[in-house]
Structures are given as structure tokens and as C-alpha cells.
Amino acid sequence: MLIQWDLHITSFDNVSNIQSNTIFPVIFGKRIPLNTTKLRYIVAVDRFGSMTAAAAAIHVSQPSLTRTVAEVEKELGVILFERRARGVIATQQGRSIIDRAARILADIERLDMDAREFREYREAHLRVCISPPPLITLMNPALPQLLAHYPQLKVDVKSVSTGEAISHLRTGDSDLIIGPTRALEEKREFKIVPLKPFDAYFFTRRDHPLSKKRTVTSKHILHYPLVLPERDGSSPEITNRLFGETEIPSDHPTHIIGHFPLACEVVAATDAVATVGQAYLGNKEFLKRFNILAFTTADKLNVCCAYRQDFELSAPATALVNILAR
């Protein structure tokens, strides 16, 4: 007898409620629905060798168990057990079905354990992608507050390009993106939580020629190389917003450096100009080496938190979003 089984699971997160899902054995081309409760019943009867012993072991009444086994046999069109005076024994056809049912239940139990481990991992770890890197300053006040509430939490914060951040979120390698609203709201699969607009500033080394000017214009800045975290994506958007209507020439000298500490070293050693977030305005150690230019920004960048709509955020991730959105 050819028997084929299909297992339909509605949700990985809800696998602990697997009894509500359905197994479909296919016998002679006919799909017959069996829920996992029925599978547990027939496996228990086979294991304990009698209806009475199996009913006691799985905490159901003996008449209910007997009735369910009869229903399964009727649905399958197969006699699973040979009834004897001192109990039951699987028939030849029943043995094939019962053994397969036992393997399916073992797989479901393993899947349930994996789901619990996955949920526990998500509650203990938080992975955040930030793009472009200057937005990392948004985490300066937020992350200490979060860790004060979740001292055992393990945090992985990456400054990456916008494309990389989106890819990490889509593949499940990141829980959240902090990034520009315009680039992320286009992705229909993401849930968007608006944050306060991001204010960026240009900075140079302290003895840079521009540091002596009381007022700096975009034309002044364009006399010097620029340092951007990425060539495409949000960094050019920030820079363009800073410049306003002034167009940046396509052949303008530009260094692409995604690592902020390295970008700072380049600025400290050359005439290059880079961007930094508002949080550095009061950073004494930063201001010992660098000068934030007296340049009025033309426009602020709208930023947001983004996460996958089909995934429920963990408690730490929800807390971080709430902190950032205040």
C-alpha cells in the first residue's frame, strides 16, 4: 500500500500549538486529514499495547480513545490494530502507518524545541543595522538605557550601506534597521516607525583653513575633498541635503570610508571634510581634535526604524524602538 504524508504547519512561532495543524496521508490518491492528536493516540496505543493502558498514560478516557482510533481506521480505510483478549497488536498495514506517525511526531517535537530555542535567542540577542554610519550617534543615549533594562542582552550593532542593511533584514540576519525614511518606506515588507529628523554637520581637523571662517558656505566646502561612508544610498542624500541647492560635481574628490574612526583619522591628517551627527556637538574628546563648521544645514534627514512586518519584535527590540521614538 502506497502511503504519502503531507505536514501543514501554519507558523514557525506557533509550532507549540502544533496539535491544531493537520497531517494529510495520501492513500491511493486520496488525501485524508488527520490532526496530530489522533497520531499521538494511535502511537500511544501501539506503545502500551492496550486501549486502557494508553488512555491512562495520555490522560484521556478509554471510550474516547477507542472511539478516536476507530475514526482513524475509518478515515484511512485501514485496520491499524488487531484486537485481542489481552490488548491490541498492530496489523502489517497498521505498522507502516504507526511507524511513520511516530517519526512525524518526533519531527514536530524537534521543531517545537527549535522554535523555543529561536524565541529564547531573539529575546537574548539584538542585531541592529544602521545606515548610513553617521546615524550611529542616535544610539549614544538609547543603547545605555536599553542595557540598563536588559543587562544580560547581547547587542550587535553594524554600520553598513543601505543596500546591505536591507539585505540583512530581509534574510533575518538583522532585527532592526535605523535608516532614512525615504529609502526604507519603499519596501512594502517593512514596518516603519518614524524617529526625530537627523541633523548632520560638517567637520574638519582643528587647524583646517575653514575652521577660521565665521560662516562657511557650501561653495567653501567644495574646495576640499569629501569623506562619505558610502557612494550610493543615504550618505549622499545627507550630504546633498546639507548643500541644499548647490550641486556637487560628479568628479569632485570623494573618499568612501564606511568605518567612522578611520574617516576621522583621514580628516585629522588631510584637508578632507566629513559629516557627523548632532550628538558630537557636545563631545569634548571629539572637539579636542576636530572642528564642527559654522554651517547652517539646508534640510534635515527624515529617519526611522524598520523591521519585517511578518516578524514580531522581541521585547528588547520593541524597547529600543520606543526609546528612539521618544
C-alpha atoms as a PDB file:
ATOM      1  CA  MET A   1       0.000   0.000   0.000  1.00  0.00           C
ATOM      2  CA  LEU A   2       1.430   3.380  -1.046  1.00  0.00           C
ATOM      3  CA  ILE A   3       1.061   5.995   1.704  1.00  0.00           C
ATOM      4  CA  GLN A   4       2.292   9.558   1.318  1.00  0.00           C
ATOM      5  CA  TRP A   5       2.163  12.217   4.060  1.00  0.00           C
ATOM      6  CA  ASP A   6       1.990  15.995   3.887  1.00  0.00           C
ATOM      7  CA  LEU A   7       2.506  18.126   7.004  1.00  0.00           C
ATOM      8  CA  HIS A   8       0.937  21.597   7.021  1.00  0.00           C
ATOM      9  CA  ILE A   9       2.297  23.929   9.715  1.00  0.00           C
ATOM     10  CA  THR A  10       0.768  27.374   9.926  1.00  0.00           C
ATOM     11  CA  SER A  11       3.534  29.236  11.748  1.00  0.00           C
ATOM     12  CA  PHE A  12       7.036  28.508  12.993  1.00  0.00           C
ATOM     13  CA  ASP A  13       6.484  30.764  16.014  1.00  0.00           C
ATOM     14  CA  ASN A  14       3.269  28.894  16.871  1.00  0.00           C
ATOM     15  CA  VAL A  15       4.662  25.407  16.463  1.00  0.00           C
ATOM     16  CA  SER A  16       3.998  24.726  20.157  1.00  0.00           C
ATOM     17  CA  ASN A  17       0.307  24.690  19.164  1.00  0.00           C
ATOM     18  CA  ILE A  18       1.001  22.022  16.575  1.00  0.00           C
ATOM     19  CA  GLN A  19      -1.966  19.905  17.672  1.00  0.00           C
ATOM     20  CA  SER A  20      -4.210  22.270  15.722  1.00  0.00           C
ATOM     21  CA  ASN A  21      -2.339  21.549  12.498  1.00  0.00           C
ATOM     22  CA  THR A  22      -3.128  18.769  10.107  1.00  0.00           C
ATOM     23  CA  ILE A  23      -1.390  15.745   8.637  1.00  0.00           C
ATOM     24  CA  PHE A  24      -2.632  14.621   5.235  1.00  0.00           C
ATOM     25  CA  PRO A  25      -1.858  10.991   4.376  1.00  0.00           C
ATOM     26  CA  VAL A  26      -2.475  10.230   0.724  1.00  0.00           C
ATOM     27  CA  ILE A  27      -3.715   6.686   0.133  1.00  0.00           C
ATOM     28  CA  PHE A  28      -4.480   5.574  -3.386  1.00  0.00           C
ATOM     29  CA  GLY A  29      -4.549   9.245  -4.468  1.00  0.00           C
ATOM     30  CA  LYS A  30      -6.988  10.336  -1.743  1.00  0.00           C
ATOM     31  CA  ARG A  31      -5.911  12.994   0.795  1.00  0.00           C
ATOM     32  CA  ILE A  32      -7.316  12.247   4.249  1.00  0.00           C
ATOM     33  CA  PRO A  33      -6.971  14.831   7.079  1.00  0.00           C
ATOM     34  CA  LEU A  34      -5.650  13.659  10.453  1.00  0.00           C
ATOM     35  CA  ASN A  35      -4.725  16.067  13.238  1.00  0.00           C
ATOM     36  CA  THR A  36      -1.683  15.359  15.368  1.00  0.00           C
ATOM     37  CA  THR A  37      -3.820  14.458  18.386  1.00  0.00           C
ATOM     38  CA  LYS A  38      -5.062  11.402  16.511  1.00  0.00           C
ATOM     39  CA  LEU A  39      -1.500  10.472  15.600  1.00  0.00           C
ATOM     40  CA  ARG A  40      -0.478  10.634  19.251  1.00  0.00           C
ATOM     41  CA  TYR A  41      -3.395   8.412  20.167  1.00  0.00           C
ATOM     42  CA  ILE A  42      -2.534   5.614  17.747  1.00  0.00           C
ATOM     43  CA  VAL A  43       1.175   5.777  18.649  1.00  0.00           C
ATOM     44  CA  ALA A  44       0.286   5.549  22.349  1.00  0.00           C
ATOM     45  CA  VAL A  45      -1.976   2.536  21.781  1.00  0.00           C
ATOM     46  CA  ASP A  46       0.824   0.789  19.900  1.00  0.00           C
ATOM     47  CA  ARG A  47       3.365   1.629  22.603  1.00  0.00           C
ATOM     48  CA  PHE A  48       1.292   0.450  25.570  1.00  0.00           C
ATOM     49  CA  GLY A  49      -0.392  -2.459  23.820  1.00  0.00           C
ATOM     50  CA  SER A  50      -3.910  -1.751  25.048  1.00  0.00           C
ATOM     51  CA  MET A  51      -6.553   0.935  24.909  1.00  0.00           C
ATOM     52  CA  THR A  52      -6.872   1.061  28.696  1.00  0.00           C
ATOM     53  CA  ALA A  53      -3.135   1.481  29.384  1.00  0.00           C
ATOM     54  CA  ALA A  54      -2.732   4.054  26.586  1.00  0.00           C
ATOM     55  CA  ALA A  55      -5.718   6.089  27.818  1.00  0.00           C
ATOM     56  CA  ALA A  56      -4.274   6.207  31.338  1.00  0.00           C
ATOM     57  CA  ALA A  57      -0.844   7.245  30.034  1.00  0.00           C
ATOM     58  CA  ILE A  58      -2.091  10.148  27.902  1.00  0.00           C
ATOM     59  CA  HIS A  59      -4.838  11.189  30.360  1.00  0.00           C
ATOM     60  CA  VAL A  60      -7.937  10.625  28.246  1.00  0.00           C
ATOM     61  CA  SER A  61     -10.904   8.384  28.844  1.00  0.00           C
ATOM     62  CA  GLN A  62     -10.713   4.864  27.437  1.00  0.00           C
ATOM     63  CA  PRO A  63     -14.002   5.181  25.487  1.00  0.00           C
ATOM     64  CA  SER A  64     -12.795   8.443  23.900  1.00  0.00           C
ATOM     65  CA  LEU A  65      -9.506   6.846  22.869  1.00  0.00           C
ATOM     66  CA  THR A  66     -11.221   3.755  21.475  1.00  0.00           C
ATOM     67  CA  ARG A  67     -13.648   5.925  19.518  1.00  0.00           C
ATOM     68  CA  THR A  68     -10.805   8.066  18.077  1.00  0.00           C
ATOM     69  CA  VAL A  69      -8.802   5.022  16.965  1.00  0.00           C
ATOM     70  CA  ALA A  70     -11.905   3.677  15.220  1.00  0.00           C
ATOM     71  CA  GLU A  71     -12.365   7.056  13.490  1.00  0.00           C
ATOM     72  CA  VAL A  72      -8.778   6.975  12.243  1.00  0.00           C
ATOM     73  CA  GLU A  73      -9.204   3.483  10.863  1.00  0.00           C
ATOM     74  CA  LYS A  74     -12.397   4.546   9.118  1.00  0.00           C
ATOM     75  CA  GLU A  75     -10.790   7.685   7.662  1.00  0.00           C
ATOM     76  CA  LEU A  76      -7.794   5.731   6.391  1.00  0.00           C
ATOM     77  CA  GLY A  77      -9.723   2.681   5.319  1.00  0.00           C
ATOM     78  CA  VAL A  78      -7.115   0.564   7.095  1.00  0.00           C
ATOM     79  CA  ILE A  79      -7.350  -1.648  10.198  1.00  0.00           C
ATOM     80  CA  LEU A  80      -4.484  -0.424  12.385  1.00  0.00           C
ATOM     81  CA  PHE A  81      -4.813  -2.828  15.288  1.00  0.00           C
ATOM     82  CA  GLU A  82      -5.805  -6.423  15.743  1.00  0.00           C
ATOM     83  CA  ARG A  83      -7.956  -6.599  18.873  1.00  0.00           C
ATOM     84  CA  ARG A  84      -7.076  -9.456  21.223  1.00  0.00           C
ATOM     85  CA  ALA A  85      -8.308 -10.579  24.622  1.00  0.00           C
ATOM     86  CA  ARG A  86      -5.279  -9.108  26.406  1.00  0.00           C
ATOM     87  CA  GLY A  87      -4.854  -5.963  24.331  1.00  0.00           C
ATOM     88  CA  VAL A  88      -4.066  -4.959  20.748  1.00  0.00           C
ATOM     89  CA  ILE A  89      -1.263  -5.500  18.252  1.00  0.00           C
ATOM     90  CA  ALA A  90      -0.540  -3.538  15.072  1.00  0.00           C
ATOM     91  CA  THR A  91      -1.522  -5.121  11.782  1.00  0.00           C
ATOM     92  CA  GLN A  92       1.007  -5.254   8.954  1.00  0.00           C
ATOM     93  CA  GLN A  93      -0.563  -2.236   7.256  1.00  0.00           C
ATOM     94  CA  GLY A  94      -1.019  -0.522  10.607  1.00  0.00           C
ATOM     95  CA  ARG A  95       2.666  -0.940  11.455  1.00  0.00           C
ATOM     96  CA  SER A  96       3.716   1.108   8.428  1.00  0.00           C
ATOM     97  CA  ILE A  97       1.330   3.931   9.297  1.00  0.00           C
ATOM     98  CA  ILE A  98       2.092   3.928  13.042  1.00  0.00           C
ATOM     99  CA  ASP A  99       5.862   3.983  12.494  1.00  0.00           C
ATOM    100  CA  ARG A 100       5.537   6.908  10.101  1.00  0.00           C
ATOM    101  CA  ALA A 101       3.227   8.702  12.548  1.00  0.00           C
ATOM    102  CA  ALA A 102       5.820   8.235  15.312  1.00  0.00           C
ATOM    103  CA  ARG A 103       8.530   9.773  13.104  1.00  0.00           C
ATOM    104  CA  ILE A 104       6.280  12.734  12.254  1.00  0.00           C
ATOM    105  CA  LEU A 105       5.534  13.350  15.934  1.00  0.00           C
ATOM    106  CA  ALA A 106       9.261  13.188  16.726  1.00  0.00           C
ATOM    107  CA  ASP A 107       9.941  15.740  13.972  1.00  0.00           C
ATOM    108  CA  ILE A 108       7.226  18.008  15.357  1.00  0.00           C
ATOM    109  CA  GLU A 109       8.706  17.748  18.852  1.00  0.00           C
ATOM    110  CA  ARG A 110      12.143  18.666  17.463  1.00  0.00           C
ATOM    111  CA  LEU A 111      10.602  21.573  15.562  1.00  0.00           C
ATOM    112  CA  ASP A 112       8.892  22.735  18.742  1.00  0.00           C
ATOM    113  CA  MET A 113      12.229  22.671  20.596  1.00  0.00           C
ATOM    114  CA  ASP A 114      13.911  24.571  17.770  1.00  0.00           C
ATOM    115  CA  ALA A 115      11.162  27.195  17.855  1.00  0.00           C
ATOM    116  CA  ARG A 116      11.570  27.679  21.610  1.00  0.00           C
ATOM    117  CA  GLU A 117      15.345  27.988  21.232  1.00  0.00           C
ATOM    118  CA  PHE A 118      14.850  30.512  18.433  1.00  0.00           C
ATOM    119  CA  ARG A 119      12.492  32.609  20.564  1.00  0.00           C
ATOM    120  CA  GLU A 120      14.901  32.460  23.511  1.00  0.00           C
ATOM    121  CA  TYR A 121      17.754  33.534  21.218  1.00  0.00           C
ATOM    122  CA  ARG A 122      15.760  36.509  19.920  1.00  0.00           C
ATOM    123  CA  GLU A 123      14.972  37.628  23.453  1.00  0.00           C
ATOM    124  CA  ALA A 124      18.670  37.422  24.438  1.00  0.00           C
ATOM    125  CA  HIS A 125      20.187  38.994  21.293  1.00  0.00           C
ATOM    126  CA  LEU A 126      19.532  42.204  19.398  1.00  0.00           C
ATOM    127  CA  ARG A 127      21.008  42.837  15.952  1.00  0.00           C
ATOM    128  CA  VAL A 128      20.759  46.360  14.562  1.00  0.00           C
ATOM    129  CA  CYS A 129      21.932  47.696  11.211  1.00  0.00           C
ATOM    130  CA  ILE A 130      22.500  51.435  10.943  1.00  0.00           C
ATOM    131  CA  SER A 131      22.736  53.203   7.615  1.00  0.00           C
ATOM    132  CA  PRO A 132      24.383  55.449   6.839  1.00  0.00           C
ATOM    133  CA  PRO A 133      27.060  55.252   9.576  1.00  0.00           C
ATOM    134  CA  PRO A 134      26.590  58.861  10.828  1.00  0.00           C
ATOM    135  CA  LEU A 135      23.212  57.731  12.227  1.00  0.00           C
ATOM    136  CA  ILE A 136      25.124  55.643  14.778  1.00  0.00           C
ATOM    137  CA  THR A 137      25.000  58.722  17.007  1.00  0.00           C
ATOM    138  CA  LEU A 138      21.293  58.050  17.555  1.00  0.00           C
ATOM    139  CA  MET A 139      22.335  55.030  19.606  1.00  0.00           C
ATOM    140  CA  ASN A 140      24.505  57.051  22.001  1.00  0.00           C
ATOM    141  CA  PRO A 141      21.732  57.794  24.519  1.00  0.00           C
ATOM    142  CA  ALA A 142      19.441  54.909  23.520  1.00  0.00           C
ATOM    143  CA  LEU A 143      21.743  51.903  23.914  1.00  0.00           C
ATOM    144  CA  PRO A 144      22.838  52.605  27.528  1.00  0.00           C
ATOM    145  CA  GLN A 145      19.171  52.994  28.502  1.00  0.00           C
ATOM    146  CA  LEU A 146      18.291  49.709  26.836  1.00  0.00           C
ATOM    147  CA  LEU A 147      21.124  47.784  28.512  1.00  0.00           C
ATOM    148  CA  ALA A 148      20.130  49.218  31.877  1.00  0.00           C
ATOM    149  CA  HIS A 149      16.767  47.452  31.451  1.00  0.00           C
ATOM    150  CA  TYR A 150      18.242  44.301  29.841  1.00  0.00           C
ATOM    151  CA  PRO A 151      21.695  43.810  31.412  1.00  0.00           C
ATOM    152  CA  GLN A 152      22.051  40.269  30.010  1.00  0.00           C
ATOM    153  CA  LEU A 153      21.221  41.342  26.453  1.00  0.00           C
ATOM    154  CA  LYS A 154      23.850  40.757  23.749  1.00  0.00           C
ATOM    155  CA  VAL A 155      23.866  43.560  21.181  1.00  0.00           C
ATOM    156  CA  ASP A 156      25.353  43.554  17.692  1.00  0.00           C
ATOM    157  CA  VAL A 157      25.280  46.991  16.032  1.00  0.00           C
ATOM    158  CA  LYS A 158      26.612  47.305  12.488  1.00  0.00           C
ATOM    159  CA  SER A 159      27.176  50.424  10.404  1.00  0.00           C
ATOM    160  CA  VAL A 160      26.614  49.316   6.827  1.00  0.00           C
ATOM    161  CA  SER A 161      25.431  50.617   3.485  1.00  0.00           C
ATOM    162  CA  THR A 162      21.713  50.990   2.922  1.00  0.00           C
ATOM    163  CA  GLY A 163      21.659  48.070   0.495  1.00  0.00           C
ATOM    164  CA  GLU A 164      23.448  45.804   2.968  1.00  0.00           C
ATOM    165  CA  ALA A 165      21.094  46.812   5.791  1.00  0.00           C
ATOM    166  CA  ILE A 166      18.028  45.966   3.699  1.00  0.00           C
ATOM    167  CA  SER A 167      19.546  42.640   2.666  1.00  0.00           C
ATOM    168  CA  HIS A 168      20.357  41.706   6.296  1.00  0.00           C
ATOM    169  CA  LEU A 169      16.814  42.495   7.415  1.00  0.00           C
ATOM    170  CA  ARG A 170      15.237  40.521   4.584  1.00  0.00           C
ATOM    171  CA  THR A 171      17.352  37.420   5.289  1.00  0.00           C
ATOM    172  CA  GLY A 172      16.757  37.526   9.042  1.00  0.00           C
ATOM    173  CA  ASP A 173      20.349  38.478   9.866  1.00  0.00           C
ATOM    174  CA  SER A 174      19.175  41.707  11.478  1.00  0.00           C
ATOM    175  CA  ASP A 175      16.241  42.581  13.721  1.00  0.00           C
ATOM    176  CA  LEU A 176      16.084  46.313  13.012  1.00  0.00           C
ATOM    177  CA  ILE A 177      17.318  48.967  10.628  1.00  0.00           C
ATOM    178  CA  ILE A 178      17.843  52.553  11.675  1.00  0.00           C
ATOM    179  CA  GLY A 179      17.979  54.482   8.441  1.00  0.00           C
ATOM    180  CA  PRO A 180      16.488  57.069   6.094  1.00  0.00           C
ATOM    181  CA  THR A 181      12.726  57.013   5.784  1.00  0.00           C
ATOM    182  CA  ARG A 182      12.681  57.575   2.023  1.00  0.00           C
ATOM    183  CA  ALA A 183      14.813  54.517   1.252  1.00  0.00           C
ATOM    184  CA  LEU A 184      13.023  52.194   3.676  1.00  0.00           C
ATOM    185  CA  GLU A 185       9.358  53.146   3.284  1.00  0.00           C
ATOM    186  CA  GLU A 186       9.536  51.982  -0.337  1.00  0.00           C
ATOM    187  CA  LYS A 187       9.971  48.417   0.946  1.00  0.00           C
ATOM    188  CA  ARG A 188       6.425  47.187   1.434  1.00  0.00           C
ATOM    189  CA  GLU A 189       7.508  44.251   3.590  1.00  0.00           C
ATOM    190  CA  PHE A 190       8.896  46.566   6.287  1.00  0.00           C
ATOM    191  CA  LYS A 191       7.073  48.206   9.169  1.00  0.00           C
ATOM    192  CA  ILE A 192       8.204  51.832   9.573  1.00  0.00           C
ATOM    193  CA  VAL A 193       8.404  53.726  12.890  1.00  0.00           C
ATOM    194  CA  PRO A 194       9.284  57.418  12.364  1.00  0.00           C
ATOM    195  CA  LEU A 195      12.051  58.949  14.508  1.00  0.00           C
ATOM    196  CA  LYS A 196      13.118  62.539  15.036  1.00  0.00           C
ATOM    197  CA  PRO A 197      14.753  64.065  11.920  1.00  0.00           C
ATOM    198  CA  PHE A 198      18.512  63.682  11.838  1.00  0.00           C
ATOM    199  CA  ASP A 199      20.617  66.840  11.876  1.00  0.00           C
ATOM    200  CA  ALA A 200      24.087  66.458  10.325  1.00  0.00           C
ATOM    201  CA  TYR A 201      27.119  68.771  10.399  1.00  0.00           C
ATOM    202  CA  PHE A 202      30.390  69.098   8.535  1.00  0.00           C
ATOM    203  CA  PHE A 203      33.618  68.759  10.481  1.00  0.00           C
ATOM    204  CA  THR A 204      37.330  69.216   9.769  1.00  0.00           C
ATOM    205  CA  ARG A 205      40.602  68.972  11.652  1.00  0.00           C
ATOM    206  CA  ARG A 206      41.036  71.838  14.127  1.00  0.00           C
ATOM    207  CA  ASP A 207      43.668  73.737  12.113  1.00  0.00           C
ATOM    208  CA  HIS A 208      41.808  73.389   8.814  1.00  0.00           C
ATOM    209  CA  PRO A 209      41.553  76.647   6.763  1.00  0.00           C
ATOM    210  CA  LEU A 210      37.739  76.530   7.031  1.00  0.00           C
ATOM    211  CA  SER A 211      37.862  76.489  10.830  1.00  0.00           C
ATOM    212  CA  LYS A 212      38.915  80.152  10.809  1.00  0.00           C
ATOM    213  CA  LYS A 213      35.802  81.295   8.941  1.00  0.00           C
ATOM    214  CA  ARG A 214      32.864  82.607  10.937  1.00  0.00           C
ATOM    215  CA  THR A 215      30.433  81.494   8.261  1.00  0.00           C
ATOM    216  CA  VAL A 216      31.020  78.587   5.926  1.00  0.00           C
ATOM    217  CA  THR A 217      29.073  78.079   2.705  1.00  0.00           C
ATOM    218  CA  SER A 218      28.713  75.025   0.546  1.00  0.00           C
ATOM    219  CA  LYS A 219      30.959  76.626  -2.066  1.00  0.00           C
ATOM    220  CA  HIS A 220      33.729  76.914   0.553  1.00  0.00           C
ATOM    221  CA  ILE A 221      33.403  73.235   1.400  1.00  0.00           C
ATOM    222  CA  LEU A 222      33.576  72.190  -2.237  1.00  0.00           C
ATOM    223  CA  HIS A 223      37.154  73.457  -2.389  1.00  0.00           C
ATOM    224  CA  TYR A 224      38.120  70.386  -0.360  1.00  0.00           C
ATOM    225  CA  PRO A 225      37.733  66.596  -0.653  1.00  0.00           C
ATOM    226  CA  LEU A 226      34.680  64.986   0.956  1.00  0.00           C
ATOM    227  CA  VAL A 227      34.559  61.830   3.063  1.00  0.00           C
ATOM    228  CA  LEU A 228      31.372  59.745   2.733  1.00  0.00           C
ATOM    229  CA  PRO A 229      30.529  56.390   4.324  1.00  0.00           C
ATOM    230  CA  GLU A 230      29.067  55.043   1.071  1.00  0.00           C
ATOM    231  CA  ARG A 231      28.924  56.040  -2.575  1.00  0.00           C
ATOM    232  CA  ASP A 232      25.253  55.177  -3.069  1.00  0.00           C
ATOM    233  CA  GLY A 233      22.336  55.137  -0.664  1.00  0.00           C
ATOM    234  CA  SER A 234      21.780  57.541   2.199  1.00  0.00           C
ATOM    235  CA  SER A 235      25.169  59.207   2.749  1.00  0.00           C
ATOM    236  CA  PRO A 236      24.983  61.199  -0.495  1.00  0.00           C
ATOM    237  CA  GLU A 237      21.400  62.091   0.459  1.00  0.00           C
ATOM    238  CA  ILE A 238      22.608  63.568   3.750  1.00  0.00           C
ATOM    239  CA  THR A 239      25.357  65.498   2.002  1.00  0.00           C
ATOM    240  CA  ASN A 240      23.004  66.771  -0.699  1.00  0.00           C
ATOM    241  CA  ARG A 241      20.559  67.972   1.939  1.00  0.00           C
ATOM    242  CA  LEU A 242      23.386  69.814   3.689  1.00  0.00           C
ATOM    243  CA  PHE A 243      24.379  71.530   0.458  1.00  0.00           C
ATOM    244  CA  GLY A 244      20.805  72.433  -0.414  1.00  0.00           C
ATOM    245  CA  GLU A 245      20.573  73.772  -3.963  1.00  0.00           C
ATOM    246  CA  THR A 246      24.329  73.676  -4.518  1.00  0.00           C
ATOM    247  CA  GLU A 247      25.155  70.779  -6.812  1.00  0.00           C
ATOM    248  CA  ILE A 248      28.119  68.538  -6.008  1.00  0.00           C
ATOM    249  CA  PRO A 249      30.179  67.976  -9.167  1.00  0.00           C
ATOM    250  CA  SER A 250      30.281  64.350 -10.244  1.00  0.00           C
ATOM    251  CA  ASP A 251      34.076  64.470 -10.438  1.00  0.00           C
ATOM    252  CA  HIS A 252      34.507  66.065  -7.017  1.00  0.00           C
ATOM    253  CA  PRO A 253      37.260  64.344  -4.958  1.00  0.00           C
ATOM    254  CA  THR A 254      35.445  61.957  -2.630  1.00  0.00           C
ATOM    255  CA  HIS A 255      36.730  59.276  -0.249  1.00  0.00           C
ATOM    256  CA  ILE A 256      34.353  56.382   0.511  1.00  0.00           C
ATOM    257  CA  ILE A 257      35.138  55.189   4.052  1.00  0.00           C
ATOM    258  CA  GLY A 258      32.467  53.228   5.903  1.00  0.00           C
ATOM    259  CA  HIS A 259      34.393  52.985   9.183  1.00  0.00           C
ATOM    260  CA  PHE A 260      33.861  56.187  11.166  1.00  0.00           C
ATOM    261  CA  PRO A 261      37.079  56.009  13.279  1.00  0.00           C
ATOM    262  CA  LEU A 262      39.102  55.620  10.069  1.00  0.00           C
ATOM    263  CA  ALA A 263      37.205  58.505   8.456  1.00  0.00           C
ATOM    264  CA  CYS A 264      38.158  60.631  11.466  1.00  0.00           C
ATOM    265  CA  GLU A 265      41.836  59.752  11.014  1.00  0.00           C
ATOM    266  CA  VAL A 266      41.664  60.763   7.343  1.00  0.00           C
ATOM    267  CA  VAL A 267      40.044  64.078   8.279  1.00  0.00           C
ATOM    268  CA  ALA A 268      42.664  64.639  11.015  1.00  0.00           C
ATOM    269  CA  ALA A 269      45.537  64.080   8.572  1.00  0.00           C
ATOM    270  CA  THR A 270      44.217  65.880   5.464  1.00  0.00           C
ATOM    271  CA  ASP A 271      42.083  68.789   4.280  1.00  0.00           C
ATOM    272  CA  ALA A 272      39.080  66.481   3.773  1.00  0.00           C
ATOM    273  CA  VAL A 273      35.640  67.405   5.135  1.00  0.00           C
ATOM    274  CA  ALA A 274      33.256  64.800   6.595  1.00  0.00           C
ATOM    275  CA  THR A 275      29.814  64.695   8.239  1.00  0.00           C
ATOM    276  CA  VAL A 276      28.855  63.905  11.813  1.00  0.00           C
ATOM    277  CA  GLY A 277      25.644  63.751  13.825  1.00  0.00           C
ATOM    278  CA  GLN A 278      24.306  66.246  16.328  1.00  0.00           C
ATOM    279  CA  ALA A 279      25.410  64.121  19.296  1.00  0.00           C
ATOM    280  CA  TYR A 280      29.033  65.106  18.646  1.00  0.00           C
ATOM    281  CA  LEU A 281      28.339  68.802  19.202  1.00  0.00           C
ATOM    282  CA  GLY A 282      28.916  68.284  22.911  1.00  0.00           C
ATOM    283  CA  ASN A 283      31.531  65.526  22.710  1.00  0.00           C
ATOM    284  CA  LYS A 284      34.599  67.042  24.398  1.00  0.00           C
ATOM    285  CA  GLU A 285      37.029  64.355  23.251  1.00  0.00           C
ATOM    286  CA  PHE A 286      35.875  64.728  19.660  1.00  0.00           C
ATOM    287  CA  LEU A 287      36.134  68.526  19.802  1.00  0.00           C
ATOM    288  CA  LYS A 288      39.738  68.310  21.033  1.00  0.00           C
ATOM    289  CA  ARG A 289      40.735  67.025  17.589  1.00  0.00           C
ATOM    290  CA  PHE A 290      38.064  68.353  15.271  1.00  0.00           C
ATOM    291  CA  ASN A 291      36.136  71.496  14.487  1.00  0.00           C
ATOM    292  CA  ILE A 292      32.445  71.455  13.578  1.00  0.00           C
ATOM    293  CA  LEU A 293      31.953  74.063  10.897  1.00  0.00           C
ATOM    294  CA  ALA A 294      29.656  77.063  11.287  1.00  0.00           C
ATOM    295  CA  PHE A 295      27.434  75.857   8.508  1.00  0.00           C
ATOM    296  CA  THR A 296      23.633  76.023   8.630  1.00  0.00           C
ATOM    297  CA  THR A 297      22.048  72.854   7.305  1.00  0.00           C
ATOM    298  CA  ALA A 298      19.600  73.308   4.482  1.00  0.00           C
ATOM    299  CA  ASP A 299      17.386  70.416   5.491  1.00  0.00           C
ATOM    300  CA  LYS A 300      17.190  67.577   7.997  1.00  0.00           C
ATOM    301  CA  LEU A 301      17.020  63.917   7.064  1.00  0.00           C
ATOM    302  CA  ASN A 302      13.857  62.018   7.986  1.00  0.00           C
ATOM    303  CA  VAL A 303      14.881  58.762   9.655  1.00  0.00           C
ATOM    304  CA  CYS A 304      13.038  55.742  11.006  1.00  0.00           C
ATOM    305  CA  CYS A 305      13.272  52.280  12.495  1.00  0.00           C
ATOM    306  CA  ALA A 306      12.293  49.483  10.139  1.00  0.00           C
ATOM    307  CA  TYR A 307      11.575  45.825  10.801  1.00  0.00           C
ATOM    308  CA  ARG A 308       9.896  42.975   8.959  1.00  0.00           C
ATOM    309  CA  GLN A 309       6.102  43.037   9.126  1.00  0.00           C
ATOM    310  CA  ASP A 310       5.924  39.236   9.218  1.00  0.00           C
ATOM    311  CA  PHE A 311       8.103  39.013  12.367  1.00  0.00           C
ATOM    312  CA  GLU A 312       7.008  40.032  15.833  1.00  0.00           C
ATOM    313  CA  LEU A 313       9.670  42.134  17.545  1.00  0.00           C
ATOM    314  CA  SER A 314      11.316  40.774  20.671  1.00  0.00           C
ATOM    315  CA  ALA A 315      10.835  42.671  23.927  1.00  0.00           C
ATOM    316  CA  PRO A 316      14.342  44.260  23.777  1.00  0.00           C
ATOM    317  CA  ALA A 317      13.833  45.313  20.150  1.00  0.00           C
ATOM    318  CA  THR A 318      10.456  46.852  20.997  1.00  0.00           C
ATOM    319  CA  ALA A 319      12.023  48.692  23.931  1.00  0.00           C
ATOM    320  CA  LEU A 320      14.786  50.116  21.706  1.00  0.00           C
ATOM    321  CA  VAL A 321      12.255  51.344  19.130  1.00  0.00           C
ATOM    322  CA  ASN A 322      10.259  53.036  21.905  1.00  0.00           C
ATOM    323  CA  ILE A 323      13.365  54.710  23.318  1.00  0.00           C
ATOM    324  CA  LEU A 324      14.430  56.002  19.914  1.00  0.00           C
ATOM    325  CA  ALA A 325      10.930  57.229  19.089  1.00  0.00           C
ATOM    326  CA  ARG A 326      10.580  59.366  22.233  1.00  0.00           C
END
